[in-house]
Amino acid sequence: MTLAFSSIVCAEPCPTPKGLSPEFGINRIIDGDTVVFDDGSRIRLTGFNSFELNDSGWKGRSALEAKRKVTEWLLKKKFASHRGRQLRIDMVVC
């Protein structure tokens, strides 16, 4: 009895069909840790906590800086969904 095994090795990930990965537009960013997309969905970024924009002094300035950096970072990213689920954000560095 002879068994034959074959395997397929891909050097690059297989492309995702366009229909499964619609792009989302960013409507606004609340403080530095919550994003509102153009479809109205809200995502709370995890892994850090931003102060609120209405905080006074250095906390408010820190929130404004976090919002600026997250906005800059998100504008470079593309977000997709798969079977109705939004894909997670791996890392945000502020």
PDB file of N, CA and C in Angstrom:
ATOM      1  N   MET A   1       0.853  -1.168   0.000  1.00  0.00           N
ATOM      2  CA  MET A   1       0.000   0.000   0.000  1.00  0.00           C
ATOM      3  C   MET A   1       0.900   1.233   0.000  1.00  0.00           C
ATOM      4  N   THR A   2       0.616   2.126  -0.891  1.00  0.00           N
ATOM      5  CA  THR A   2       1.390   3.353  -1.000  1.00  0.00           C
ATOM      6  C   THR A   2       0.482   4.541  -0.727  1.00  0.00           C
ATOM      7  N   LEU A   3       0.933   5.438   0.144  1.00  0.00           N
ATOM      8  CA  LEU A   3       0.182   6.668   0.425  1.00  0.00           C
ATOM      9  C   LEU A   3       0.928   7.838  -0.179  1.00  0.00           C
ATOM     10  N   ALA A   4       0.206   8.691  -0.809  1.00  0.00           N
ATOM     11  CA  ALA A   4       0.812   9.888  -1.391  1.00  0.00           C
ATOM     12  C   ALA A   4       0.211  11.107  -0.714  1.00  0.00           C
ATOM     13  N   PHE A   5       1.061  12.008  -0.300  1.00  0.00           N
ATOM     14  CA  PHE A   5       0.605  13.246   0.325  1.00  0.00           C
ATOM     15  C   PHE A   5       1.042  14.414  -0.542  1.00  0.00           C
ATOM     16  N   SER A   6       0.175  15.337  -0.689  1.00  0.00           N
ATOM     17  CA  SER A   6       0.547  16.548  -1.417  1.00  0.00           C
ATOM     18  C   SER A   6       0.203  17.745  -0.553  1.00  0.00           C
ATOM     19  N   SER A   7       0.926  18.780  -0.750  1.00  0.00           N
ATOM     20  CA  SER A   7       0.637  20.004  -0.002  1.00  0.00           C
ATOM     21  C   SER A   7       0.818  21.195  -0.916  1.00  0.00           C
ATOM     22  N   ILE A   8       0.103  22.233  -0.588  1.00  0.00           N
ATOM     23  CA  ILE A   8       0.199  23.478  -1.338  1.00  0.00           C
ATOM     24  C   ILE A   8       0.807  24.512  -0.407  1.00  0.00           C
ATOM     25  N   VAL A   9       1.849  25.133  -0.853  1.00  0.00           N
ATOM     26  CA  VAL A   9       2.509  26.160  -0.051  1.00  0.00           C
ATOM     27  C   VAL A   9       2.384  27.479  -0.795  1.00  0.00           C
ATOM     28  N   CYS A  10       1.834  28.473  -0.121  1.00  0.00           N
ATOM     29  CA  CYS A  10       1.685  29.803  -0.718  1.00  0.00           C
ATOM     30  C   CYS A  10       2.681  30.741  -0.046  1.00  0.00           C
ATOM     31  N   ALA A  11       3.420  31.448  -0.847  1.00  0.00           N
ATOM     32  CA  ALA A  11       4.366  32.417  -0.298  1.00  0.00           C
ATOM     33  C   ALA A  11       3.656  33.688   0.138  1.00  0.00           C
ATOM     34  N   GLU A  12       2.545  33.994  -0.502  1.00  0.00           N
ATOM     35  CA  GLU A  12       1.780  35.192  -0.174  1.00  0.00           C
ATOM     36  C   GLU A  12       0.369  34.780   0.210  1.00  0.00           C
ATOM     37  N   PRO A  13      -0.297  35.569   1.069  1.00  0.00           N
ATOM     38  CA  PRO A  13      -1.669  35.232   1.423  1.00  0.00           C
ATOM     39  C   PRO A  13      -2.580  35.309   0.205  1.00  0.00           C
ATOM     40  N   CYS A  14      -3.579  34.458   0.199  1.00  0.00           N
ATOM     41  CA  CYS A  14      -4.541  34.475  -0.904  1.00  0.00           C
ATOM     42  C   CYS A  14      -5.356  35.757  -0.828  1.00  0.00           C
ATOM     43  N   PRO A  15      -5.671  36.364  -1.958  1.00  0.00           N
ATOM     44  CA  PRO A  15      -6.449  37.604  -1.931  1.00  0.00           C
ATOM     45  C   PRO A  15      -7.881  37.347  -1.475  1.00  0.00           C
ATOM     46  N   THR A  16      -8.449  38.321  -0.786  1.00  0.00           N
ATOM     47  CA  THR A  16      -9.832  38.239  -0.339  1.00  0.00           C
ATOM     48  C   THR A  16     -10.735  38.761  -1.441  1.00  0.00           C
ATOM     49  N   PRO A  17     -11.824  38.052  -1.740  1.00  0.00           N
ATOM     50  CA  PRO A  17     -12.747  38.557  -2.758  1.00  0.00           C
ATOM     51  C   PRO A  17     -13.285  39.927  -2.368  1.00  0.00           C
ATOM     52  N   LYS A  18     -13.420  40.806  -3.342  1.00  0.00           N
ATOM     53  CA  LYS A  18     -13.879  42.179  -3.079  1.00  0.00           C
ATOM     54  C   LYS A  18     -15.218  42.206  -2.358  1.00  0.00           C
ATOM     55  N   GLY A  19     -16.125  41.308  -2.685  1.00  0.00           N
ATOM     56  CA  GLY A  19     -17.451  41.308  -2.084  1.00  0.00           C
ATOM     57  C   GLY A  19     -17.446  41.061  -0.587  1.00  0.00           C
ATOM     58  N   LEU A  20     -16.402  40.438  -0.060  1.00  0.00           N
ATOM     59  CA  LEU A  20     -16.336  40.159   1.370  1.00  0.00           C
ATOM     60  C   LEU A  20     -15.643  41.256   2.158  1.00  0.00           C
ATOM     61  N   SER A  21     -15.043  42.204   1.487  1.00  0.00           N
ATOM     62  CA  SER A  21     -14.245  43.220   2.176  1.00  0.00           C
ATOM     63  C   SER A  21     -14.597  44.639   1.751  1.00  0.00           C
ATOM     64  N   PRO A  22     -15.819  45.090   2.043  1.00  0.00           N
ATOM     65  CA  PRO A  22     -16.130  46.480   1.704  1.00  0.00           C
ATOM     66  C   PRO A  22     -15.319  47.428   2.574  1.00  0.00           C
ATOM     67  N   GLU A  23     -14.930  48.560   2.012  1.00  0.00           N
ATOM     68  CA  GLU A  23     -14.180  49.543   2.788  1.00  0.00           C
ATOM     69  C   GLU A  23     -15.140  50.396   3.604  1.00  0.00           C
ATOM     70  N   PHE A  24     -14.671  50.845   4.761  1.00  0.00           N
ATOM     71  CA  PHE A  24     -15.445  51.725   5.622  1.00  0.00           C
ATOM     72  C   PHE A  24     -14.808  53.099   5.605  1.00  0.00           C
ATOM     73  N   GLY A  25     -15.638  54.137   5.574  1.00  0.00           N
ATOM     74  CA  GLY A  25     -15.138  55.494   5.707  1.00  0.00           C
ATOM     75  C   GLY A  25     -15.239  55.920   7.162  1.00  0.00           C
ATOM     76  N   ILE A  26     -14.323  56.751   7.591  1.00  0.00           N
ATOM     77  CA  ILE A  26     -14.336  57.240   8.965  1.00  0.00           C
ATOM     78  C   ILE A  26     -15.124  58.533   9.006  1.00  0.00           C
ATOM     79  N   ASN A  27     -16.185  58.558   9.815  1.00  0.00           N
ATOM     80  CA  ASN A  27     -17.012  59.746   9.958  1.00  0.00           C
ATOM     81  C   ASN A  27     -16.368  60.719  10.935  1.00  0.00           C
ATOM     82  N   ARG A  28     -15.979  60.215  12.125  1.00  0.00           N
ATOM     83  CA  ARG A  28     -15.313  61.070  13.112  1.00  0.00           C
ATOM     84  C   ARG A  28     -14.639  60.221  14.168  1.00  0.00           C
ATOM     85  N   ILE A  29     -13.785  60.859  14.929  1.00  0.00           N
ATOM     86  CA  ILE A  29     -13.100  60.208  16.038  1.00  0.00           C
ATOM     87  C   ILE A  29     -13.453  60.967  17.304  1.00  0.00           C
ATOM     88  N   ILE A  30     -13.932  60.229  18.297  1.00  0.00           N
ATOM     89  CA  ILE A  30     -14.319  60.822  19.576  1.00  0.00           C
ATOM     90  C   ILE A  30     -13.145  60.635  20.523  1.00  0.00           C
ATOM     91  N   ASP A  31     -12.663  61.717  21.087  1.00  0.00           N
ATOM     92  CA  ASP A  31     -11.467  61.677  21.924  1.00  0.00           C
ATOM     93  C   ASP A  31     -10.368  60.972  21.125  1.00  0.00           C
ATOM     94  N   GLY A  32      -9.628  60.069  21.724  1.00  0.00           N
ATOM     95  CA  GLY A  32      -8.591  59.374  20.983  1.00  0.00           C
ATOM     96  C   GLY A  32      -8.818  57.887  20.916  1.00  0.00           C
ATOM     97  N   ASP A  33      -9.971  57.417  21.446  1.00  0.00           N
ATOM     98  CA  ASP A  33     -10.127  55.970  21.536  1.00  0.00           C
ATOM     99  C   ASP A  33     -11.459  55.427  21.024  1.00  0.00           C
ATOM    100  N   THR A  34     -12.284  56.244  20.401  1.00  0.00           N
ATOM    101  CA  THR A  34     -13.543  55.778  19.826  1.00  0.00           C
ATOM    102  C   THR A  34     -13.680  56.333  18.418  1.00  0.00           C
ATOM    103  N   VAL A  35     -14.003  55.441  17.475  1.00  0.00           N
ATOM    104  CA  VAL A  35     -14.116  55.812  16.067  1.00  0.00           C
ATOM    105  C   VAL A  35     -15.551  55.575  15.622  1.00  0.00           C
ATOM    106  N   VAL A  36     -16.121  56.531  14.875  1.00  0.00           N
ATOM    107  CA  VAL A  36     -17.449  56.378  14.288  1.00  0.00           C
ATOM    108  C   VAL A  36     -17.263  56.279  12.781  1.00  0.00           C
ATOM    109  N   PHE A  37     -17.736  55.170  12.194  1.00  0.00           N
ATOM    110  CA  PHE A  37     -17.629  54.975  10.754  1.00  0.00           C
ATOM    111  C   PHE A  37     -18.822  55.587  10.050  1.00  0.00           C
ATOM    112  N   ASP A  38     -18.724  55.722   8.722  1.00  0.00           N
ATOM    113  CA  ASP A  38     -19.779  56.392   7.970  1.00  0.00           C
ATOM    114  C   ASP A  38     -21.095  55.626   7.972  1.00  0.00           C
ATOM    115  N   ASP A  39     -21.092  54.350   8.334  1.00  0.00           N
ATOM    116  CA  ASP A  39     -22.348  53.602   8.429  1.00  0.00           C
ATOM    117  C   ASP A  39     -22.981  53.734   9.817  1.00  0.00           C
ATOM    118  N   GLY A  40     -22.369  54.543  10.698  1.00  0.00           N
ATOM    119  CA  GLY A  40     -22.900  54.776  12.035  1.00  0.00           C
ATOM    120  C   GLY A  40     -22.347  53.849  13.105  1.00  0.00           C
ATOM    121  N   SER A  41     -21.625  52.808  12.715  1.00  0.00           N
ATOM    122  CA  SER A  41     -21.072  51.892  13.718  1.00  0.00           C
ATOM    123  C   SER A  41     -19.950  52.585  14.487  1.00  0.00           C
ATOM    124  N   ARG A  42     -19.848  52.241  15.769  1.00  0.00           N
ATOM    125  CA  ARG A  42     -18.834  52.830  16.649  1.00  0.00           C
ATOM    126  C   ARG A  42     -17.904  51.729  17.122  1.00  0.00           C
ATOM    127  N   ILE A  43     -16.616  52.002  17.091  1.00  0.00           N
ATOM    128  CA  ILE A  43     -15.610  51.045  17.534  1.00  0.00           C
ATOM    129  C   ILE A  43     -14.802  51.693  18.649  1.00  0.00           C
ATOM    130  N   ARG A  44     -14.678  51.002  19.769  1.00  0.00           N
ATOM    131  CA  ARG A  44     -13.831  51.464  20.879  1.00  0.00           C
ATOM    132  C   ARG A  44     -12.494  50.770  20.718  1.00  0.00           C
ATOM    133  N   LEU A  45     -11.437  51.540  20.493  1.00  0.00           N
ATOM    134  CA  LEU A  45     -10.102  50.983  20.345  1.00  0.00           C
ATOM    135  C   LEU A  45      -9.630  50.479  21.702  1.00  0.00           C
ATOM    136  N   THR A  46      -9.066  49.292  21.729  1.00  0.00           N
ATOM    137  CA  THR A  46      -8.623  48.708  22.991  1.00  0.00           C
ATOM    138  C   THR A  46      -7.106  48.756  23.101  1.00  0.00           C
ATOM    139  N   GLY A  47      -6.633  48.537  24.277  1.00  0.00           N
ATOM    140  CA  GLY A  47      -5.195  48.508  24.503  1.00  0.00           C
ATOM    141  C   GLY A  47      -4.654  49.806  25.070  1.00  0.00           C
ATOM    142  N   PHE A  48      -5.476  50.830  25.128  1.00  0.00           N
ATOM    143  CA  PHE A  48      -5.080  52.098  25.726  1.00  0.00           C
ATOM    144  C   PHE A  48      -6.345  52.857  26.097  1.00  0.00           C
ATOM    145  N   ASN A  49      -6.222  53.883  26.907  1.00  0.00           N
ATOM    146  CA  ASN A  49      -7.355  54.713  27.284  1.00  0.00           C
ATOM    147  C   ASN A  49      -6.958  56.165  27.115  1.00  0.00           C
ATOM    148  N   SER A  50      -7.763  56.891  26.380  1.00  0.00           N
ATOM    149  CA  SER A  50      -7.497  58.305  26.156  1.00  0.00           C
ATOM    150  C   SER A  50      -8.311  59.135  27.144  1.00  0.00           C
ATOM    151  N   PHE A  51      -7.755  60.248  27.578  1.00  0.00           N
ATOM    152  CA  PHE A  51      -8.533  61.193  28.370  1.00  0.00           C
ATOM    153  C   PHE A  51      -9.635  61.772  27.486  1.00  0.00           C
ATOM    154  N   GLU A  52     -10.604  62.432  28.115  1.00  0.00           N
ATOM    155  CA  GLU A  52     -11.709  63.035  27.375  1.00  0.00           C
ATOM    156  C   GLU A  52     -11.313  64.427  26.889  1.00  0.00           C
ATOM    157  N   LEU A  53     -11.845  64.822  25.731  1.00  0.00           N
ATOM    158  CA  LEU A  53     -11.516  66.139  25.175  1.00  0.00           C
ATOM    159  C   LEU A  53     -11.966  67.277  26.081  1.00  0.00           C
ATOM    160  N   ASN A  54     -13.043  67.055  26.856  1.00  0.00           N
ATOM    161  CA  ASN A  54     -13.539  68.137  27.718  1.00  0.00           C
ATOM    162  C   ASN A  54     -12.817  68.199  29.063  1.00  0.00           C
ATOM    163  N   ASP A  55     -11.817  67.322  29.293  1.00  0.00           N
ATOM    164  CA  ASP A  55     -10.989  67.427  30.502  1.00  0.00           C
ATOM    165  C   ASP A  55     -10.163  68.711  30.424  1.00  0.00           C
ATOM    166  N   SER A  56      -9.857  69.284  31.575  1.00  0.00           N
ATOM    167  CA  SER A  56      -9.075  70.526  31.573  1.00  0.00           C
ATOM    168  C   SER A  56      -7.584  70.231  31.687  1.00  0.00           C
ATOM    169  N   GLY A  57      -6.793  71.238  31.359  1.00  0.00           N
ATOM    170  CA  GLY A  57      -5.342  71.155  31.533  1.00  0.00           C
ATOM    171  C   GLY A  57      -4.676  70.117  30.649  1.00  0.00           C
ATOM    172  N   TRP A  58      -3.663  69.458  31.217  1.00  0.00           N
ATOM    173  CA  TRP A  58      -2.860  68.516  30.439  1.00  0.00           C
ATOM    174  C   TRP A  58      -3.662  67.304  29.975  1.00  0.00           C
ATOM    175  N   LYS A  59      -4.722  66.923  30.719  1.00  0.00           N
ATOM    176  CA  LYS A  59      -5.534  65.777  30.296  1.00  0.00           C
ATOM    177  C   LYS A  59      -6.261  66.084  28.990  1.00  0.00           C
ATOM    178  N   GLY A  60      -6.823  67.282  28.886  1.00  0.00           N
ATOM    179  CA  GLY A  60      -7.498  67.685  27.649  1.00  0.00           C
ATOM    180  C   GLY A  60      -6.526  67.783  26.486  1.00  0.00           C
ATOM    181  N   ARG A  61      -5.342  68.337  26.747  1.00  0.00           N
ATOM    182  CA  ARG A  61      -4.315  68.426  25.689  1.00  0.00           C
ATOM    183  C   ARG A  61      -3.860  67.035  25.259  1.00  0.00           C
ATOM    184  N   SER A  62      -3.761  66.126  26.227  1.00  0.00           N
ATOM    185  CA  SER A  62      -3.373  64.751  25.921  1.00  0.00           C
ATOM    186  C   SER A  62      -4.435  64.067  25.055  1.00  0.00           C
ATOM    187  N   ALA A  63      -5.708  64.298  25.367  1.00  0.00           N
ATOM    188  CA  ALA A  63      -6.798  63.724  24.566  1.00  0.00           C
ATOM    189  C   ALA A  63      -6.769  64.266  23.150  1.00  0.00           C
ATOM    190  N   LEU A  64      -6.508  65.555  23.009  1.00  0.00           N
ATOM    191  CA  LEU A  64      -6.434  66.171  21.685  1.00  0.00           C
ATOM    192  C   LEU A  64      -5.276  65.581  20.878  1.00  0.00           C
ATOM    193  N   GLU A  65      -4.142  65.368  21.518  1.00  0.00           N
ATOM    194  CA  GLU A  65      -2.984  64.762  20.850  1.00  0.00           C
ATOM    195  C   GLU A  65      -3.282  63.315  20.450  1.00  0.00           C
ATOM    196  N   ALA A  66      -3.945  62.553  21.336  1.00  0.00           N
ATOM    197  CA  ALA A  66      -4.316  61.170  21.014  1.00  0.00           C
ATOM    198  C   ALA A  66      -5.275  61.137  19.834  1.00  0.00           C
ATOM    199  N   LYS A  67      -6.247  62.057  19.827  1.00  0.00           N
ATOM    200  CA  LYS A  67      -7.198  62.116  18.713  1.00  0.00           C
ATOM    201  C   LYS A  67      -6.464  62.411  17.408  1.00  0.00           C
ATOM    202  N   ARG A  68      -5.522  63.331  17.433  1.00  0.00           N
ATOM    203  CA  ARG A  68      -4.770  63.686  16.230  1.00  0.00           C
ATOM    204  C   ARG A  68      -3.970  62.489  15.713  1.00  0.00           C
ATOM    205  N   LYS A  69      -3.299  61.786  16.619  1.00  0.00           N
ATOM    206  CA  LYS A  69      -2.472  60.651  16.209  1.00  0.00           C
ATOM    207  C   LYS A  69      -3.313  59.481  15.710  1.00  0.00           C
ATOM    208  N   VAL A  70      -4.426  59.208  16.389  1.00  0.00           N
ATOM    209  CA  VAL A  70      -5.297  58.119  15.938  1.00  0.00           C
ATOM    210  C   VAL A  70      -5.904  58.462  14.584  1.00  0.00           C
ATOM    211  N   THR A  71      -6.306  59.714  14.389  1.00  0.00           N
ATOM    212  CA  THR A  71      -6.840  60.134  13.092  1.00  0.00           C
ATOM    213  C   THR A  71      -5.803  59.918  11.999  1.00  0.00           C
ATOM    214  N   GLU A  72      -4.599  60.347  12.248  1.00  0.00           N
ATOM    215  CA  GLU A  72      -3.511  60.188  11.280  1.00  0.00           C
ATOM    216  C   GLU A  72      -3.275  58.705  10.966  1.00  0.00           C
ATOM    217  N   TRP A  73      -3.263  57.872  11.995  1.00  0.00           N
ATOM    218  CA  TRP A  73      -3.037  56.433  11.816  1.00  0.00           C
ATOM    219  C   TRP A  73      -4.177  55.781  11.046  1.00  0.00           C
ATOM    220  N   LEU A  74      -5.428  56.115  11.428  1.00  0.00           N
ATOM    221  CA  LEU A  74      -6.576  55.487  10.782  1.00  0.00           C
ATOM    222  C   LEU A  74      -6.711  55.884   9.322  1.00  0.00           C
ATOM    223  N   LEU A  75      -6.318  57.090   8.980  1.00  0.00           N
ATOM    224  CA  LEU A  75      -6.421  57.517   7.587  1.00  0.00           C
ATOM    225  C   LEU A  75      -5.501  56.704   6.685  1.00  0.00           C
ATOM    226  N   LYS A  76      -4.495  56.079   7.247  1.00  0.00           N
ATOM    227  CA  LYS A  76      -3.577  55.242   6.473  1.00  0.00           C
ATOM    228  C   LYS A  76      -4.065  53.800   6.374  1.00  0.00           C
ATOM    229  N   LYS A  77      -5.044  53.410   7.184  1.00  0.00           N
ATOM    230  CA  LYS A  77      -5.515  52.027   7.255  1.00  0.00           C
ATOM    231  C   LYS A  77      -6.764  51.828   6.418  1.00  0.00           C
ATOM    232  N   LYS A  78      -6.993  50.578   6.037  1.00  0.00           N
ATOM    233  CA  LYS A  78      -8.241  50.183   5.390  1.00  0.00           C
ATOM    234  C   LYS A  78      -8.890  49.148   6.288  1.00  0.00           C
ATOM    235  N   PHE A  79     -10.182  49.328   6.550  1.00  0.00           N
ATOM    236  CA  PHE A  79     -10.912  48.410   7.405  1.00  0.00           C
ATOM    237  C   PHE A  79     -11.884  47.622   6.564  1.00  0.00           C
ATOM    238  N   ALA A  80     -12.068  46.397   6.909  1.00  0.00           N
ATOM    239  CA  ALA A  80     -12.929  45.522   6.134  1.00  0.00           C
ATOM    240  C   ALA A  80     -13.826  44.735   7.074  1.00  0.00           C
ATOM    241  N   SER A  81     -14.840  44.130   6.499  1.00  0.00           N
ATOM    242  CA  SER A  81     -15.671  43.222   7.271  1.00  0.00           C
ATOM    243  C   SER A  81     -15.661  41.875   6.565  1.00  0.00           C
ATOM    244  N   HIS A  82     -15.938  40.861   7.330  1.00  0.00           N
ATOM    245  CA  HIS A  82     -15.984  39.510   6.790  1.00  0.00           C
ATOM    246  C   HIS A  82     -17.224  38.841   7.354  1.00  0.00           C
ATOM    247  N   ARG A  83     -18.164  38.515   6.493  1.00  0.00           N
ATOM    248  CA  ARG A  83     -19.415  37.877   6.911  1.00  0.00           C
ATOM    249  C   ARG A  83     -20.130  38.691   7.980  1.00  0.00           C
ATOM    250  N   GLY A  84     -20.147  40.002   7.807  1.00  0.00           N
ATOM    251  CA  GLY A  84     -20.864  40.880   8.718  1.00  0.00           C
ATOM    252  C   GLY A  84     -20.128  41.238   9.992  1.00  0.00           C
ATOM    253  N   ARG A  85     -18.908  40.724  10.167  1.00  0.00           N
ATOM    254  CA  ARG A  85     -18.131  41.029  11.374  1.00  0.00           C
ATOM    255  C   ARG A  85     -17.015  41.991  11.018  1.00  0.00           C
ATOM    256  N   GLN A  86     -16.852  43.015  11.826  1.00  0.00           N
ATOM    257  CA  GLN A  86     -15.762  43.950  11.582  1.00  0.00           C
ATOM    258  C   GLN A  86     -14.463  43.349  12.081  1.00  0.00           C
ATOM    259  N   LEU A  87     -13.431  43.493  11.283  1.00  0.00           N
ATOM    260  CA  LEU A  87     -12.137  42.941  11.646  1.00  0.00           C
ATOM    261  C   LEU A  87     -11.472  43.826  12.690  1.00  0.00           C
ATOM    262  N   ARG A  88     -10.693  43.226  13.561  1.00  0.00           N
ATOM    263  CA  ARG A  88     -10.109  43.962  14.681  1.00  0.00           C
ATOM    264  C   ARG A  88      -8.905  44.787  14.254  1.00  0.00           C
ATOM    265  N   ILE A  89      -8.571  45.736  15.082  1.00  0.00           N
ATOM    266  CA  ILE A  89      -7.388  46.554  14.885  1.00  0.00           C
ATOM    267  C   ILE A  89      -6.291  45.939  15.735  1.00  0.00           C
ATOM    268  N   ASP A  90      -5.166  45.642  15.141  1.00  0.00           N
ATOM    269  CA  ASP A  90      -4.106  44.943  15.858  1.00  0.00           C
ATOM    270  C   ASP A  90      -3.365  45.814  16.850  1.00  0.00           C
ATOM    271  N   MET A  91      -3.025  47.052  16.474  1.00  0.00           N
ATOM    272  CA  MET A  91      -2.179  47.846  17.357  1.00  0.00           C
ATOM    273  C   MET A  91      -2.353  49.328  17.055  1.00  0.00           C
ATOM    274  N   VAL A  92      -2.429  50.115  18.086  1.00  0.00           N
ATOM    275  CA  VAL A  92      -2.429  51.565  17.959  1.00  0.00           C
ATOM    276  C   VAL A  92      -1.338  52.080  18.878  1.00  0.00           C
ATOM    277  N   VAL A  93      -0.461  52.909  18.360  1.00  0.00           N
ATOM    278  CA  VAL A  93       0.608  53.481  19.175  1.00  0.00           C
ATOM    279  C   VAL A  93       0.422  54.982  19.211  1.00  0.00           C
ATOM    280  N   CYS A  94       0.259  55.525  20.400  1.00  0.00           N
ATOM    281  CA  CYS A  94       0.091  56.974  20.555  1.00  0.00           C
ATOM    282  C   CYS A  94       1.248  57.531  21.346  1.00  0.00           C
TER     283      CYS A  94
END
